[in-house]
Amino acid sequence: MAIDATISVTILPKQWQFDASPNQPLLKSAALAGITLPSSCRNGTCRTCISRMAAGQVRYLIEWPGLSAEEKRDGYILPCVAYPQSDMTLENRAAHRA
């Protein structure tokens, strides 16, 4: 993926969209777009930002202990440490506009 690539992210159920960079966590890209996802630790351990990825792909730079194998299998991610790799759809009912 090109360093300057832009990825489209949709937040459900609100249908909000924002552009994300593959070079920064989803949480930061959302904040830059004026969308607040709940967060606390920002390092993948507290689970405050947990969201379900309905479509798309992410990568992680660290091993994150905050999700069970079942949650990972069911599509849950931690946006504070997840870097988008494709256009994606996230489900997060607690998201709000900053």
N, C-alpha and C. Protein backbone atom coordinates (compact mmCIF):
# COMPACT_ATOMS: atom_id res chain seq x y z
N MET A 1 0.85 -1.18 0.00
CA MET A 1 0.00 0.00 0.00
C MET A 1 0.89 1.23 0.00
N ALA A 2 0.52 2.21 -0.80
CA ALA A 2 1.29 3.44 -0.89
C ALA A 2 1.24 4.20 0.43
N ILE A 3 2.34 4.86 0.76
CA ILE A 3 2.42 5.59 2.01
C ILE A 3 1.37 6.69 2.10
N ASP A 4 1.04 7.32 0.97
CA ASP A 4 0.08 8.41 0.99
C ASP A 4 -1.34 7.96 0.65
N ALA A 5 -1.59 6.66 0.68
CA ALA A 5 -2.92 6.13 0.36
C ALA A 5 -3.95 6.64 1.37
N THR A 6 -5.16 6.82 0.90
CA THR A 6 -6.26 7.20 1.77
C THR A 6 -7.26 6.06 1.80
N ILE A 7 -7.71 5.75 2.98
CA ILE A 7 -8.64 4.66 3.19
C ILE A 7 -9.95 5.25 3.69
N SER A 8 -11.05 4.77 3.15
CA SER A 8 -12.37 5.24 3.56
C SER A 8 -12.90 4.34 4.68
N VAL A 9 -13.34 4.99 5.77
CA VAL A 9 -13.89 4.27 6.91
C VAL A 9 -15.31 4.76 7.15
N THR A 10 -16.23 3.82 7.33
CA THR A 10 -17.61 4.13 7.66
C THR A 10 -17.89 3.63 9.07
N ILE A 11 -18.50 4.49 9.89
CA ILE A 11 -18.87 4.12 11.26
C ILE A 11 -20.38 3.86 11.29
N LEU A 12 -20.75 2.66 11.67
CA LEU A 12 -22.16 2.29 11.82
C LEU A 12 -22.53 2.39 13.29
N PRO A 13 -23.76 2.66 13.64
CA PRO A 13 -24.91 2.74 12.75
C PRO A 13 -25.16 4.13 12.17
N LYS A 14 -24.31 5.09 12.49
CA LYS A 14 -24.55 6.48 12.08
C LYS A 14 -24.26 6.76 10.61
N GLN A 15 -23.54 5.86 9.92
CA GLN A 15 -23.16 6.05 8.52
C GLN A 15 -22.18 7.21 8.33
N TRP A 16 -21.43 7.56 9.38
CA TRP A 16 -20.41 8.60 9.25
C TRP A 16 -19.22 8.04 8.50
N GLN A 17 -18.63 8.86 7.66
CA GLN A 17 -17.45 8.43 6.91
C GLN A 17 -16.30 9.39 7.16
N PHE A 18 -15.09 8.83 7.15
CA PHE A 18 -13.89 9.66 7.24
C PHE A 18 -12.75 8.97 6.51
N ASP A 19 -11.76 9.77 6.18
CA ASP A 19 -10.56 9.24 5.54
C ASP A 19 -9.54 8.89 6.61
N ALA A 20 -8.89 7.75 6.43
CA ALA A 20 -7.88 7.30 7.37
C ALA A 20 -6.57 7.06 6.65
N SER A 21 -5.51 7.13 7.39
CA SER A 21 -4.17 6.84 6.87
C SER A 21 -3.74 5.45 7.32
N PRO A 22 -3.12 4.68 6.45
CA PRO A 22 -2.61 3.37 6.88
C PRO A 22 -1.41 3.50 7.82
N ASN A 23 -0.94 4.72 8.02
CA ASN A 23 0.25 4.96 8.84
C ASN A 23 -0.06 5.46 10.24
N GLN A 24 -1.34 5.46 10.62
CA GLN A 24 -1.69 5.85 11.99
C GLN A 24 -2.90 5.05 12.43
N PRO A 25 -3.07 4.86 13.75
CA PRO A 25 -4.20 4.09 14.25
C PRO A 25 -5.54 4.71 13.85
N LEU A 26 -6.53 3.88 13.71
CA LEU A 26 -7.88 4.34 13.37
C LEU A 26 -8.40 5.39 14.34
N LEU A 27 -8.12 5.23 15.61
CA LEU A 27 -8.58 6.17 16.63
C LEU A 27 -8.10 7.59 16.32
N LYS A 28 -6.86 7.72 15.92
CA LYS A 28 -6.30 9.04 15.61
C LYS A 28 -6.91 9.61 14.33
N SER A 29 -7.07 8.79 13.30
CA SER A 29 -7.69 9.27 12.06
C SER A 29 -9.12 9.73 12.31
N ALA A 30 -9.86 8.98 13.13
CA ALA A 30 -11.24 9.38 13.45
C ALA A 30 -11.25 10.72 14.16
N ALA A 31 -10.35 10.89 15.13
CA ALA A 31 -10.29 12.14 15.89
C ALA A 31 -9.97 13.32 14.97
N LEU A 32 -9.06 13.12 14.04
CA LEU A 32 -8.72 14.20 13.10
C LEU A 32 -9.90 14.57 12.22
N ALA A 33 -10.83 13.62 12.03
CA ALA A 33 -12.03 13.87 11.22
C ALA A 33 -13.19 14.38 12.07
N GLY A 34 -12.97 14.59 13.37
CA GLY A 34 -14.03 15.10 14.23
C GLY A 34 -14.95 14.04 14.78
N ILE A 35 -14.53 12.78 14.72
CA ILE A 35 -15.33 11.68 15.26
C ILE A 35 -14.60 11.11 16.47
N THR A 36 -15.30 11.07 17.59
CA THR A 36 -14.70 10.55 18.81
C THR A 36 -15.17 9.13 19.05
N LEU A 37 -14.21 8.23 19.12
CA LEU A 37 -14.47 6.86 19.55
C LEU A 37 -14.05 6.79 21.02
N PRO A 38 -14.81 6.09 21.85
CA PRO A 38 -14.42 6.00 23.26
C PRO A 38 -13.00 5.45 23.36
N SER A 39 -12.21 5.99 24.27
CA SER A 39 -10.85 5.49 24.46
C SER A 39 -10.37 5.84 25.85
N SER A 40 -9.35 5.15 26.29
CA SER A 40 -8.75 5.44 27.59
C SER A 40 -7.24 5.24 27.51
N CYS A 41 -6.79 3.99 27.42
CA CYS A 41 -5.35 3.72 27.53
C CYS A 41 -4.57 4.03 26.24
N ARG A 42 -5.19 3.87 25.10
CA ARG A 42 -4.56 4.08 23.79
C ARG A 42 -3.37 3.15 23.52
N ASN A 43 -3.33 2.02 24.23
CA ASN A 43 -2.26 1.06 23.96
C ASN A 43 -2.75 -0.38 23.81
N GLY A 44 -4.07 -0.55 23.69
CA GLY A 44 -4.62 -1.87 23.41
C GLY A 44 -4.90 -2.76 24.59
N THR A 45 -4.93 -2.21 25.79
CA THR A 45 -5.16 -3.07 26.95
C THR A 45 -6.50 -2.86 27.65
N CYS A 46 -7.06 -1.66 27.62
CA CYS A 46 -8.25 -1.38 28.44
C CYS A 46 -9.58 -1.79 27.78
N ARG A 47 -9.59 -1.93 26.45
CA ARG A 47 -10.77 -2.36 25.69
C ARG A 47 -11.86 -1.29 25.57
N THR A 48 -11.60 -0.08 26.01
CA THR A 48 -12.62 0.97 25.94
C THR A 48 -13.03 1.24 24.50
N CYS A 49 -12.12 1.15 23.56
CA CYS A 49 -12.40 1.50 22.16
C CYS A 49 -12.89 0.32 21.33
N ILE A 50 -13.11 -0.84 21.92
CA ILE A 50 -13.46 -2.03 21.16
C ILE A 50 -14.59 -1.74 20.16
N SER A 51 -14.40 -2.20 18.95
CA SER A 51 -15.37 -2.01 17.87
C SER A 51 -15.39 -3.29 17.04
N ARG A 52 -16.51 -3.53 16.38
CA ARG A 52 -16.58 -4.68 15.48
C ARG A 52 -16.32 -4.22 14.07
N MET A 53 -15.39 -4.87 13.42
CA MET A 53 -15.08 -4.56 12.03
C MET A 53 -15.98 -5.41 11.15
N ALA A 54 -16.98 -4.77 10.53
CA ALA A 54 -17.92 -5.48 9.68
C ALA A 54 -17.32 -5.79 8.31
N ALA A 55 -16.37 -4.97 7.89
CA ALA A 55 -15.69 -5.19 6.61
C ALA A 55 -14.34 -4.50 6.67
N GLY A 56 -13.36 -5.06 5.97
CA GLY A 56 -12.05 -4.43 5.88
C GLY A 56 -10.96 -5.25 6.52
N GLN A 57 -9.76 -4.65 6.55
CA GLN A 57 -8.60 -5.30 7.13
C GLN A 57 -7.78 -4.28 7.91
N VAL A 58 -7.16 -4.74 8.99
CA VAL A 58 -6.26 -3.91 9.78
C VAL A 58 -4.97 -4.69 10.03
N ARG A 59 -3.95 -3.96 10.44
CA ARG A 59 -2.72 -4.59 10.90
C ARG A 59 -2.38 -3.98 12.25
N TYR A 60 -1.56 -4.68 13.00
CA TYR A 60 -1.12 -4.23 14.31
C TYR A 60 0.39 -4.19 14.33
N LEU A 61 0.96 -3.18 14.99
CA LEU A 61 2.40 -3.07 15.14
C LEU A 61 2.88 -3.76 16.41
N ILE A 62 1.94 -4.03 17.31
CA ILE A 62 2.26 -4.66 18.59
C ILE A 62 1.34 -5.84 18.80
N GLU A 63 1.72 -6.73 19.67
CA GLU A 63 0.81 -7.77 20.14
C GLU A 63 -0.13 -7.10 21.13
N TRP A 64 -1.42 -7.23 20.92
CA TRP A 64 -2.34 -6.57 21.84
C TRP A 64 -3.04 -7.62 22.67
N PRO A 65 -3.03 -7.45 23.99
CA PRO A 65 -3.62 -8.45 24.87
C PRO A 65 -5.11 -8.23 25.14
N GLY A 66 -5.70 -7.21 24.57
CA GLY A 66 -7.04 -6.81 24.96
C GLY A 66 -8.21 -7.57 24.35
N LEU A 67 -7.97 -8.54 23.48
CA LEU A 67 -9.06 -9.28 22.84
C LEU A 67 -8.86 -10.78 22.98
N SER A 68 -9.96 -11.47 23.19
CA SER A 68 -9.89 -12.94 23.24
C SER A 68 -9.81 -13.49 21.82
N ALA A 69 -9.44 -14.74 21.69
CA ALA A 69 -9.40 -15.39 20.37
C ALA A 69 -10.78 -15.37 19.72
N GLU A 70 -11.82 -15.55 20.52
CA GLU A 70 -13.19 -15.53 19.99
C GLU A 70 -13.57 -14.15 19.46
N GLU A 71 -13.18 -13.11 20.20
CA GLU A 71 -13.48 -11.74 19.76
C GLU A 71 -12.75 -11.44 18.45
N LYS A 72 -11.50 -11.83 18.36
CA LYS A 72 -10.74 -11.62 17.13
C LYS A 72 -11.42 -12.34 15.97
N ARG A 73 -11.82 -13.58 16.20
CA ARG A 73 -12.50 -14.37 15.16
C ARG A 73 -13.81 -13.70 14.73
N ASP A 74 -14.50 -13.07 15.67
CA ASP A 74 -15.79 -12.44 15.39
C ASP A 74 -15.65 -11.03 14.81
N GLY A 75 -14.42 -10.59 14.56
CA GLY A 75 -14.20 -9.32 13.88
C GLY A 75 -13.97 -8.12 14.79
N TYR A 76 -13.79 -8.34 16.08
CA TYR A 76 -13.57 -7.20 16.97
C TYR A 76 -12.12 -6.73 16.87
N ILE A 77 -11.96 -5.41 16.92
CA ILE A 77 -10.64 -4.79 16.86
C ILE A 77 -10.54 -3.71 17.94
N LEU A 78 -9.34 -3.26 18.17
CA LEU A 78 -9.08 -2.14 19.07
C LEU A 78 -8.53 -0.99 18.23
N PRO A 79 -9.38 -0.02 17.88
CA PRO A 79 -8.97 1.08 17.00
C PRO A 79 -7.76 1.89 17.49
N CYS A 80 -7.47 1.85 18.78
CA CYS A 80 -6.34 2.62 19.28
C CYS A 80 -5.00 2.07 18.80
N VAL A 81 -4.97 0.80 18.41
CA VAL A 81 -3.72 0.19 17.94
C VAL A 81 -3.88 -0.50 16.58
N ALA A 82 -5.04 -0.32 15.93
CA ALA A 82 -5.31 -0.95 14.64
C ALA A 82 -5.05 0.05 13.51
N TYR A 83 -4.24 -0.37 12.56
CA TYR A 83 -3.90 0.45 11.40
C TYR A 83 -4.68 -0.08 10.20
N PRO A 84 -5.51 0.76 9.57
CA PRO A 84 -6.34 0.27 8.46
C PRO A 84 -5.50 -0.10 7.24
N GLN A 85 -5.93 -1.16 6.56
CA GLN A 85 -5.23 -1.62 5.37
C GLN A 85 -6.11 -1.63 4.13
N SER A 86 -7.39 -1.38 4.33
CA SER A 86 -8.34 -1.35 3.22
C SER A 86 -9.53 -0.50 3.64
N ASP A 87 -10.37 -0.12 2.68
CA ASP A 87 -11.62 0.54 3.05
C ASP A 87 -12.32 -0.37 4.04
N MET A 88 -13.00 0.25 5.01
CA MET A 88 -13.58 -0.57 6.06
C MET A 88 -14.85 0.01 6.65
N THR A 89 -15.57 -0.86 7.34
CA THR A 89 -16.78 -0.49 8.06
C THR A 89 -16.63 -0.96 9.50
N LEU A 90 -16.84 -0.03 10.44
CA LEU A 90 -16.77 -0.33 11.87
C LEU A 90 -18.13 -0.11 12.52
N GLU A 91 -18.47 -0.97 13.44
CA GLU A 91 -19.67 -0.79 14.24
C GLU A 91 -19.25 -0.31 15.62
N ASN A 92 -19.71 0.90 15.98
CA ASN A 92 -19.43 1.45 17.30
C ASN A 92 -20.55 2.42 17.66
N ARG A 93 -21.49 1.96 18.47
CA ARG A 93 -22.65 2.78 18.85
C ARG A 93 -22.29 3.96 19.74
N ALA A 94 -21.14 3.92 20.40
CA ALA A 94 -20.74 4.99 21.31
C ALA A 94 -19.99 6.10 20.61
N ALA A 95 -19.75 5.98 19.32
CA ALA A 95 -19.05 7.04 18.57
C ALA A 95 -19.91 8.31 18.59
N HIS A 96 -19.23 9.45 18.66
CA HIS A 96 -19.96 10.72 18.58
C HIS A 96 -19.10 11.77 17.91
N ARG A 97 -19.74 12.83 17.46
CA ARG A 97 -19.02 13.91 16.81
C ARG A 97 -18.39 14.79 17.88
N ALA A 98 -17.15 15.17 17.64
CA ALA A 98 -16.42 16.00 18.61
C ALA A 98 -16.98 17.41 18.65
